[in-house]
Amino acid sequence: MPQVGAGTVWNHFAAGEDFVLAMRARSSWVFGQLHPLDPVSLVIAQSSAGVSWVVKMTAPALTPLVVWNTIPL
């Protein structure tokens, strides 16, 4: 497993280093550094393209979404 820390240069890889594994290690390190307040939750998930792993932060909406019907009945 690649060694990752605060001094890691994100776009510098060792010769022959596996890109996907290196980026997963970096995302894992970021995940471990984040400590959001409730109700924010964190997960490590695949990016929408399915290639990279990313840290996903989610929280419930503070107010409900109101959708108004603009078409007269």
C-alpha atoms as a PDB file:
ATOM      1  CA  MET A   1       0.000   0.000   0.000  1.00  0.00           C
ATOM      2  CA  PRO A   2       1.390   3.453  -0.863  1.00  0.00           C
ATOM      3  CA  GLN A   3       2.477   5.643   2.040  1.00  0.00           C
ATOM      4  CA  VAL A   4       0.314   8.780   2.116  1.00  0.00           C
ATOM      5  CA  GLY A   5       0.425  11.778   4.431  1.00  0.00           C
ATOM      6  CA  ALA A   6       0.066  15.526   4.644  1.00  0.00           C
ATOM      7  CA  GLY A   7       3.200  16.004   2.536  1.00  0.00           C
ATOM      8  CA  THR A   8       2.069  13.736  -0.294  1.00  0.00           C
ATOM      9  CA  VAL A   9       2.083  15.429  -3.693  1.00  0.00           C
ATOM     10  CA  TRP A  10      -1.181  14.360  -5.261  1.00  0.00           C
ATOM     11  CA  ASN A  11      -0.006  14.326  -8.860  1.00  0.00           C
ATOM     12  CA  HIS A  12       3.421  12.742  -8.249  1.00  0.00           C
ATOM     13  CA  PHE A  13       3.616   8.977  -8.545  1.00  0.00           C
ATOM     14  CA  ALA A  14       6.572   6.644  -8.065  1.00  0.00           C
ATOM     15  CA  ALA A  15       7.847   4.825 -11.135  1.00  0.00           C
ATOM     16  CA  GLY A  16       5.585   1.848 -11.793  1.00  0.00           C
ATOM     17  CA  GLU A  17       3.066   2.872  -9.100  1.00  0.00           C
ATOM     18  CA  ASP A  18      -0.486   1.752  -9.798  1.00  0.00           C
ATOM     19  CA  PHE A  19      -2.527   4.921 -10.426  1.00  0.00           C
ATOM     20  CA  VAL A  20      -5.857   3.561  -9.164  1.00  0.00           C
ATOM     21  CA  LEU A  21      -4.317   2.192  -5.965  1.00  0.00           C
ATOM     22  CA  ALA A  22      -2.377   5.423  -5.391  1.00  0.00           C
ATOM     23  CA  MET A  23      -5.504   7.569  -5.745  1.00  0.00           C
ATOM     24  CA  ARG A  24      -7.516   5.224  -3.534  1.00  0.00           C
ATOM     25  CA  ALA A  25      -4.846   5.544  -0.832  1.00  0.00           C
ATOM     26  CA  ARG A  26      -4.946   9.337  -1.128  1.00  0.00           C
ATOM     27  CA  SER A  27      -8.758   9.391  -0.862  1.00  0.00           C
ATOM     28  CA  SER A  28      -8.597   7.090   2.142  1.00  0.00           C
ATOM     29  CA  TRP A  29      -6.126   9.435   3.843  1.00  0.00           C
ATOM     30  CA  VAL A  30      -8.397  12.451   3.217  1.00  0.00           C
ATOM     31  CA  PHE A  31     -11.369  10.482   4.574  1.00  0.00           C
ATOM     32  CA  GLY A  32      -9.445   9.802   7.786  1.00  0.00           C
ATOM     33  CA  GLN A  33      -8.612  13.492   8.239  1.00  0.00           C
ATOM     34  CA  LEU A  34     -12.200  14.763   7.994  1.00  0.00           C
ATOM     35  CA  HIS A  35     -14.339  15.013  11.119  1.00  0.00           C
ATOM     36  CA  PRO A  36     -17.535  16.835  10.124  1.00  0.00           C
ATOM     37  CA  LEU A  37     -20.194  17.797  12.641  1.00  0.00           C
ATOM     38  CA  ASP A  38     -23.538  15.998  12.718  1.00  0.00           C
ATOM     39  CA  PRO A  39     -25.599  15.542  10.584  1.00  0.00           C
ATOM     40  CA  VAL A  40     -22.925  15.471   7.841  1.00  0.00           C
ATOM     41  CA  SER A  41     -21.900  11.937   6.904  1.00  0.00           C
ATOM     42  CA  LEU A  42     -18.895  10.700   4.949  1.00  0.00           C
ATOM     43  CA  VAL A  43     -18.369   7.701   2.712  1.00  0.00           C
ATOM     44  CA  ILE A  44     -15.706   6.673   0.249  1.00  0.00           C
ATOM     45  CA  ALA A  45     -17.448   5.995  -3.057  1.00  0.00           C
ATOM     46  CA  GLN A  46     -16.618   5.539  -6.705  1.00  0.00           C
ATOM     47  CA  SER A  47     -16.760   8.670  -8.830  1.00  0.00           C
ATOM     48  CA  SER A  48     -19.658   9.041 -11.234  1.00  0.00           C
ATOM     49  CA  ALA A  49     -17.358   7.818 -14.015  1.00  0.00           C
ATOM     50  CA  GLY A  50     -16.579   4.736 -11.912  1.00  0.00           C
ATOM     51  CA  VAL A  51     -12.821   5.099 -12.263  1.00  0.00           C
ATOM     52  CA  SER A  52     -11.676   6.972  -9.167  1.00  0.00           C
ATOM     53  CA  TRP A  53     -12.556   6.789  -5.494  1.00  0.00           C
ATOM     54  CA  VAL A  54     -13.758   9.996  -3.866  1.00  0.00           C
ATOM     55  CA  VAL A  55     -14.828  11.191  -0.431  1.00  0.00           C
ATOM     56  CA  LYS A  56     -18.558  11.931  -0.550  1.00  0.00           C
ATOM     57  CA  MET A  57     -20.086  14.263   2.041  1.00  0.00           C
ATOM     58  CA  THR A  58     -23.861  14.351   2.494  1.00  0.00           C
ATOM     59  CA  ALA A  59     -26.297  16.072   4.826  1.00  0.00           C
ATOM     60  CA  PRO A  60     -30.070  16.342   4.966  1.00  0.00           C
ATOM     61  CA  ALA A  61     -31.687  19.512   3.660  1.00  0.00           C
ATOM     62  CA  LEU A  62     -32.447  22.052   6.378  1.00  0.00           C
ATOM     63  CA  THR A  63     -35.812  22.838   4.812  1.00  0.00           C
ATOM     64  CA  PRO A  64     -37.999  20.625   2.626  1.00  0.00           C
ATOM     65  CA  LEU A  65     -37.863  21.153  -1.107  1.00  0.00           C
ATOM     66  CA  VAL A  66     -41.051  22.886  -2.254  1.00  0.00           C
ATOM     67  CA  VAL A  67     -42.069  22.383  -5.845  1.00  0.00           C
ATOM     68  CA  TRP A  68     -44.926  24.595  -6.966  1.00  0.00           C
ATOM     69  CA  ASN A  69     -47.246  23.508  -9.717  1.00  0.00           C
ATOM     70  CA  THR A  70     -47.004  26.293 -12.318  1.00  0.00           C
ATOM     71  CA  ILE A  71     -49.538  24.752 -14.714  1.00  0.00           C
ATOM     72  CA  PRO A  72     -53.141  25.803 -13.979  1.00  0.00           C
ATOM     73  CA  LEU A  73     -55.514  22.919 -13.443  1.00  0.00           C
END
